[in-house]
Amino acid sequence: MPRLSEVIAALDDLWPAERAESWDAVGTVVGDPDQEVTRVLFAVDPVQEIVDEAVKLGAGLLVTHHPLYLRGTTTVAASTFKGRAVHTLIKNDIALHVAHTNADTADPGVSDALAGALGLRVVRPLVPDPSDPGGRRGLGRVCEADAPLTVREFAARAAERLPATAQGIRVAGDPDAPVRTVAVSGGSGDSLFDHVRAAGVDAFLTADLRHHPASEARAHSPLALLDAAHWATEWPWCELAAAQLDEISDRHGWDLRVHVSRTVTDPWTAHAASSRAHPSPTATLPGSAARAPLDPESSGAPN
């Protein structure tokens, strides 16, 4: 069985800490480098629900995309919800490792996994990493659709293939407009509109789009916007990352048991449709249903 330090070294090769943004908090949060690891759990959020799942699974390592302490702390007291997570991890000999913006820009990274779940062919990074001579690393991805689509059809595909959430998929734009090229960015993406416009794509799928940036983007061009839940756009990376570690384990003869959490940690739990009494109702598109159990038949969704 590998030691934690060996597994972490392999993860650092995939997502070097030096490629994270300066404000980010990545790497190992808790864990004894000399402890043996037999099971690894991948998840988006290091919340108590996921920590408890790792305990039940008997995992020795939990790898999450989101940091536990992004802004630092002065306490890990169990009376705080983050402190309780730390106490639970340490008491059960579970290490926590975070790959955040260093996984966003990796090749392959978070947006590659998102594109794959949506059946898109990656062409290039949306925001290339200038330190990558091969031009493959960077933030977001510019993609091509595998077949001609309308905005309505692409929204339906996203609603079907991404994990089910209360939000579903919000759309801005003409539902019948054609979609041939798409920019995608897992997680919050409305800081990327200048790059999206420069890419000349037909649609942009991301998460956490705010009113003013979205409104201004629509005023600039006929670009269609698809706004998915933050958690749903990043969950496909967990499956990609687990597959990468599986391959490393096989190569080294580690016999690790690698798992992906199917627990929905999106914070939104319900969706109430707006009243039709308003004089200017919006179009109804797929993906706006209330939070539902994850569909095991949907490609890219947890099961």
Protein backbone atom coordinates (compact mmCIF):
# COMPACT_ATOMS: atom_id res chain seq x y z
CA MET A 1 0.00 0.00 0.00
CA PRO A 2 1.30 3.47 -0.79
CA ARG A 3 2.02 6.04 1.87
CA LEU A 4 0.09 9.30 1.80
CA SER A 5 3.25 11.16 0.77
CA GLU A 6 3.53 8.99 -2.36
CA VAL A 7 -0.09 9.57 -3.37
CA ILE A 8 0.19 13.31 -2.74
CA ALA A 9 3.36 13.44 -4.88
CA ALA A 10 1.38 11.87 -7.73
CA LEU A 11 -1.44 14.39 -7.28
CA ASP A 12 1.06 17.25 -7.22
CA ASP A 13 2.38 16.04 -10.57
CA LEU A 14 -1.14 16.28 -11.99
CA TRP A 15 -1.94 19.65 -10.40
CA PRO A 16 1.24 21.46 -9.28
CA ALA A 17 0.55 23.91 -6.47
CA GLU A 18 2.62 26.60 -8.18
CA ARG A 19 0.03 26.76 -10.97
CA ALA A 20 -2.70 27.84 -8.56
CA GLU A 21 -3.75 31.48 -8.38
CA SER A 22 -1.92 33.53 -5.75
CA TRP A 23 -5.11 33.97 -3.70
CA ASP A 24 -5.89 30.26 -3.69
CA ALA A 25 -5.40 27.69 -0.91
CA VAL A 26 -4.44 24.33 -2.40
CA GLY A 27 -2.48 21.29 -1.27
CA THR A 28 -2.72 19.05 1.78
CA VAL A 29 -4.78 20.44 4.65
CA VAL A 30 -4.51 17.55 7.12
CA GLY A 31 -2.80 14.16 7.00
CA ASP A 32 0.22 12.17 8.20
CA PRO A 33 2.67 11.72 5.31
CA ASP A 34 3.64 8.27 6.58
CA GLN A 35 0.14 6.81 6.89
CA GLU A 36 -0.87 4.13 4.41
CA VAL A 37 -3.70 4.85 1.99
CA THR A 38 -6.02 2.19 0.60
CA ARG A 39 -9.10 4.20 -0.40
CA VAL A 40 -9.48 7.68 -1.89
CA LEU A 41 -12.69 9.70 -2.22
CA PHE A 42 -13.08 12.59 -4.69
CA ALA A 43 -15.69 15.33 -4.17
CA VAL A 44 -16.30 18.98 -4.99
CA ASP A 45 -16.86 20.36 -1.49
CA PRO A 46 -15.10 19.55 1.82
CA VAL A 47 -18.32 19.87 3.84
CA GLN A 48 -19.26 17.70 6.82
CA GLU A 49 -21.60 15.56 4.72
CA ILE A 50 -18.68 14.58 2.49
CA VAL A 51 -16.33 14.08 5.43
CA ASP A 52 -18.86 11.72 7.01
CA GLU A 53 -19.10 9.86 3.70
CA ALA A 54 -15.30 9.43 3.69
CA VAL A 55 -15.47 8.02 7.22
CA LYS A 56 -18.21 5.54 6.26
CA LEU A 57 -16.25 4.51 3.17
CA GLY A 58 -13.08 3.92 5.17
CA ALA A 59 -11.11 6.34 2.98
CA GLY A 60 -7.62 7.38 4.00
CA LEU A 61 -7.64 10.39 1.67
CA LEU A 62 -10.33 12.86 0.64
CA VAL A 63 -9.54 14.99 -2.41
CA THR A 64 -11.78 18.00 -3.01
CA HIS A 65 -11.88 20.75 -5.60
CA HIS A 66 -12.94 23.52 -3.25
CA PRO A 67 -10.64 24.58 -0.40
CA LEU A 68 -11.68 24.16 3.21
CA TYR A 69 -9.95 27.35 4.41
CA LEU A 70 -9.71 29.70 1.45
CA ARG A 71 -9.30 32.86 3.54
CA GLY A 72 -7.38 31.39 6.46
CA THR A 73 -8.54 30.96 10.04
CA THR A 74 -7.46 31.45 13.63
CA THR A 75 -9.25 28.38 14.98
CA VAL A 76 -10.07 24.78 14.18
CA ALA A 77 -12.36 24.42 17.19
CA ALA A 78 -14.96 21.69 16.71
CA SER A 79 -17.62 24.25 17.65
CA THR A 80 -17.19 25.72 14.13
CA PHE A 81 -18.45 23.76 11.13
CA LYS A 82 -15.05 23.78 9.43
CA GLY A 83 -13.28 22.92 12.66
CA ARG A 84 -15.65 20.01 13.13
CA ALA A 85 -14.67 18.72 9.68
CA VAL A 86 -10.98 18.94 10.63
CA HIS A 87 -11.59 17.08 13.91
CA THR A 88 -13.54 14.35 12.13
CA LEU A 89 -10.81 13.91 9.54
CA ILE A 90 -7.98 13.70 12.06
CA LYS A 91 -9.87 11.38 14.45
CA ASN A 92 -10.47 8.97 11.58
CA ASP A 93 -6.98 9.19 10.02
CA ILE A 94 -8.31 10.77 6.83
CA ALA A 95 -6.12 13.21 4.93
CA LEU A 96 -7.60 16.14 2.99
CA HIS A 97 -5.99 17.41 -0.21
CA VAL A 98 -7.29 20.30 -2.34
CA ALA A 99 -6.81 20.90 -6.08
CA HIS A 100 -8.62 24.11 -7.07
CA THR A 101 -7.37 26.66 -9.61
CA ASN A 102 -4.39 24.40 -10.34
CA ALA A 103 -6.97 21.81 -11.51
CA ASP A 104 -8.96 24.47 -13.39
CA THR A 105 -6.04 25.23 -15.71
CA ALA A 106 -4.60 21.71 -15.92
CA ASP A 107 -4.44 19.63 -19.09
CA PRO A 108 -6.83 17.91 -18.76
CA GLY A 109 -8.66 20.00 -16.21
CA VAL A 110 -12.06 21.00 -14.88
CA SER A 111 -13.31 22.53 -18.13
CA ASP A 112 -12.13 19.55 -20.19
CA ALA A 113 -14.26 17.32 -17.96
CA LEU A 114 -17.22 19.70 -18.36
CA ALA A 115 -16.82 19.71 -22.15
CA GLY A 116 -16.63 15.92 -22.19
CA ALA A 117 -19.83 15.60 -20.16
CA LEU A 118 -21.56 17.87 -22.70
CA GLY A 119 -20.28 15.97 -25.73
CA LEU A 120 -18.17 18.89 -26.98
CA ARG A 121 -14.82 18.65 -28.75
CA VAL A 122 -12.16 20.81 -27.10
CA VAL A 123 -10.30 23.06 -29.54
CA ARG A 124 -8.13 25.21 -27.25
CA PRO A 125 -8.05 26.96 -23.87
CA LEU A 126 -10.25 30.02 -23.55
CA VAL A 127 -7.53 31.84 -21.58
CA PRO A 128 -4.20 30.17 -22.45
CA ASP A 129 -1.53 29.73 -19.78
CA PRO A 130 1.47 31.70 -21.12
CA SER A 131 3.84 29.33 -19.34
CA ASP A 132 2.62 26.35 -21.41
CA PRO A 133 4.58 26.10 -24.69
CA GLY A 134 2.14 23.48 -25.96
CA GLY A 135 -0.80 25.86 -25.62
CA ARG A 136 -3.03 23.26 -23.94
CA ARG A 137 -3.25 24.52 -20.37
CA GLY A 138 -5.35 27.47 -19.32
CA LEU A 139 -8.69 28.61 -17.96
CA GLY A 140 -11.89 27.50 -19.70
CA ARG A 141 -12.11 25.80 -23.07
CA VAL A 142 -13.24 26.75 -26.58
CA CYS A 143 -15.17 23.84 -28.05
CA GLU A 144 -17.08 22.66 -31.09
CA ALA A 145 -20.43 20.89 -30.98
CA ASP A 146 -20.46 17.29 -32.21
CA ALA A 147 -23.55 18.03 -34.32
CA PRO A 148 -25.62 21.10 -35.26
CA LEU A 149 -27.66 22.33 -32.28
CA THR A 150 -29.97 25.16 -31.32
CA VAL A 151 -29.64 26.99 -28.02
CA ARG A 152 -32.79 25.18 -26.88
CA GLU A 153 -31.29 21.78 -27.75
CA PHE A 154 -27.97 22.59 -26.12
CA ALA A 155 -29.75 23.67 -22.93
CA ALA A 156 -31.70 20.41 -22.95
CA ARG A 157 -28.47 18.46 -23.38
CA ALA A 158 -26.84 20.29 -20.48
CA ALA A 159 -29.89 19.68 -18.27
CA GLU A 160 -29.79 15.97 -19.13
CA ARG A 161 -26.06 15.35 -18.85
CA LEU A 162 -25.03 17.48 -15.89
CA PRO A 163 -26.04 16.38 -12.38
CA ALA A 164 -29.54 17.41 -11.37
CA THR A 165 -29.80 20.56 -9.25
CA ALA A 166 -32.60 22.89 -8.15
CA GLN A 167 -31.40 25.58 -10.54
CA GLY A 168 -31.17 23.48 -13.66
CA ILE A 169 -29.96 25.52 -16.65
CA ARG A 170 -30.82 29.22 -17.07
CA VAL A 171 -30.64 30.58 -20.62
CA ALA A 172 -30.23 34.06 -22.06
CA GLY A 173 -30.65 34.40 -25.82
CA ASP A 174 -32.75 33.23 -28.74
CA PRO A 175 -33.71 29.58 -28.03
CA ASP A 176 -33.71 28.82 -31.76
CA ALA A 177 -30.32 30.35 -32.57
CA PRO A 178 -27.75 27.87 -33.95
CA VAL A 179 -24.87 26.68 -31.78
CA ARG A 180 -21.71 25.47 -33.48
CA THR A 181 -18.99 26.74 -31.16
CA VAL A 182 -19.15 26.95 -27.38
CA ALA A 183 -16.96 28.32 -24.60
CA VAL A 184 -17.18 26.48 -21.29
CA SER A 185 -15.75 27.25 -17.88
CA GLY A 186 -16.41 25.17 -14.79
CA GLY A 187 -17.35 27.29 -11.78
CA SER A 188 -17.88 31.07 -11.77
CA GLY A 189 -17.25 32.42 -15.26
CA ASP A 190 -18.60 35.93 -15.68
CA SER A 191 -15.12 37.45 -15.34
CA LEU A 192 -14.28 35.82 -18.69
CA PHE A 193 -16.68 37.68 -20.99
CA ASP A 194 -13.93 39.63 -22.76
CA HIS A 195 -12.19 36.35 -23.64
CA VAL A 196 -15.49 34.75 -24.68
CA ARG A 197 -16.28 37.63 -27.03
CA ALA A 198 -12.77 37.49 -28.47
CA ALA A 199 -13.22 33.76 -29.14
CA GLY A 200 -16.25 34.52 -31.32
CA VAL A 201 -18.30 31.56 -30.04
CA ASP A 202 -22.06 31.12 -30.35
CA ALA A 203 -22.67 30.21 -26.70
CA PHE A 204 -21.03 30.31 -23.29
CA LEU A 205 -21.84 27.75 -20.59
CA THR A 206 -20.60 28.43 -17.07
CA ALA A 207 -21.99 29.10 -13.57
CA ASP A 208 -22.78 31.97 -11.19
CA LEU A 209 -23.62 34.50 -13.89
CA ARG A 210 -24.62 37.83 -12.34
CA HIS A 211 -27.25 40.22 -13.65
CA HIS A 212 -25.08 43.12 -14.84
CA PRO A 213 -22.26 41.15 -16.51
CA ALA A 214 -24.82 38.93 -18.25
CA SER A 215 -26.91 41.90 -19.37
CA GLU A 216 -23.85 43.71 -20.73
CA ALA A 217 -22.66 40.58 -22.51
CA ARG A 218 -26.02 40.22 -24.24
CA ALA A 219 -25.92 43.90 -25.24
CA HIS A 220 -22.52 43.43 -26.89
CA SER A 221 -23.47 40.50 -29.14
CA PRO A 222 -26.05 37.76 -29.79
CA LEU A 223 -23.95 35.40 -27.64
CA ALA A 224 -26.20 32.84 -25.91
CA LEU A 225 -25.58 32.34 -22.19
CA LEU A 226 -26.21 29.11 -20.31
CA ASP A 227 -25.91 29.37 -16.54
CA ALA A 228 -25.67 26.06 -14.66
CA ALA A 229 -25.20 25.39 -10.96
CA HIS A 230 -21.61 25.91 -9.80
CA TRP A 231 -21.38 22.45 -8.25
CA ALA A 232 -22.81 20.76 -11.35
CA THR A 233 -20.24 22.30 -13.69
CA GLU A 234 -17.35 21.08 -11.52
CA TRP A 235 -18.59 17.63 -10.53
CA PRO A 236 -17.48 15.98 -13.83
CA TRP A 237 -13.87 16.79 -12.86
CA CYS A 238 -14.18 14.38 -9.93
CA GLU A 239 -14.70 11.48 -12.33
CA LEU A 240 -11.83 12.65 -14.53
CA ALA A 241 -9.48 13.06 -11.55
CA ALA A 242 -10.46 9.66 -10.13
CA ALA A 243 -9.69 8.04 -13.48
CA GLN A 244 -6.30 9.75 -13.55
CA LEU A 245 -5.44 8.45 -10.08
CA ASP A 246 -6.72 4.98 -11.01
CA GLU A 247 -4.27 4.92 -13.92
CA ILE A 248 -1.41 6.01 -11.66
CA SER A 249 -2.34 3.36 -9.10
CA ASP A 250 -2.33 0.64 -11.76
CA ARG A 251 1.03 1.83 -13.08
CA HIS A 252 2.63 1.71 -9.62
CA GLY A 253 0.84 -1.44 -8.47
CA TRP A 254 -0.75 0.40 -5.54
CA ASP A 255 -4.15 -1.32 -5.74
CA LEU A 256 -5.93 1.83 -4.53
CA ARG A 257 -9.72 1.86 -4.33
CA VAL A 258 -10.72 5.19 -5.86
CA HIS A 259 -14.29 6.50 -5.42
CA VAL A 260 -16.29 9.53 -6.53
CA SER A 261 -18.91 11.00 -4.19
CA ARG A 262 -22.44 11.03 -5.59
CA THR A 263 -23.64 13.30 -2.79
CA VAL A 264 -25.20 16.54 -4.04
CA THR A 265 -23.56 19.42 -2.17
CA ASP A 266 -25.06 22.22 -4.24
CA PRO A 267 -26.46 24.57 -1.56
CA TRP A 268 -29.75 25.27 -3.37
CA THR A 269 -32.46 22.75 -2.54
CA ALA A 270 -35.64 23.85 -4.34
CA HIS A 271 -36.88 25.90 -7.30
CA ALA A 272 -40.22 27.70 -7.57
CA ALA A 273 -41.19 28.73 -11.10
CA SER A 274 -42.20 32.37 -11.63
CA SER A 275 -45.89 33.20 -12.07
CA ARG A 276 -47.22 33.37 -15.62
CA ALA A 277 -49.31 36.42 -14.63
CA HIS A 278 -46.46 38.78 -15.51
CA PRO A 279 -47.05 40.53 -18.86
CA SER A 280 -43.67 39.45 -20.25
CA PRO A 281 -43.15 35.77 -19.36
CA THR A 282 -39.85 34.17 -20.33
CA ALA A 283 -39.49 31.03 -22.39
CA THR A 284 -39.56 27.72 -20.61
CA LEU A 285 -36.52 25.58 -21.29
CA PRO A 286 -35.51 22.21 -19.85
CA GLY A 287 -33.55 22.03 -16.63
CA SER A 288 -35.62 24.21 -14.27
CA ALA A 289 -37.14 21.41 -12.22
CA ALA A 290 -36.85 21.25 -8.47
CA ARG A 291 -33.86 19.49 -7.01
CA ALA A 292 -34.22 15.80 -7.79
CA PRO A 293 -32.29 12.59 -7.13
CA LEU A 294 -29.30 12.25 -9.40
CA ASP A 295 -30.16 10.39 -12.58
CA PRO A 296 -27.93 7.33 -13.08
CA GLU A 297 -29.05 7.08 -16.70
CA SER A 298 -27.73 10.54 -17.62
CA SER A 299 -24.25 10.69 -19.12
CA GLY A 300 -21.85 12.48 -16.83
CA ALA A 301 -24.21 12.45 -13.86
CA PRO A 302 -23.55 10.71 -10.57
CA ASN A 303 -25.10 7.30 -10.01
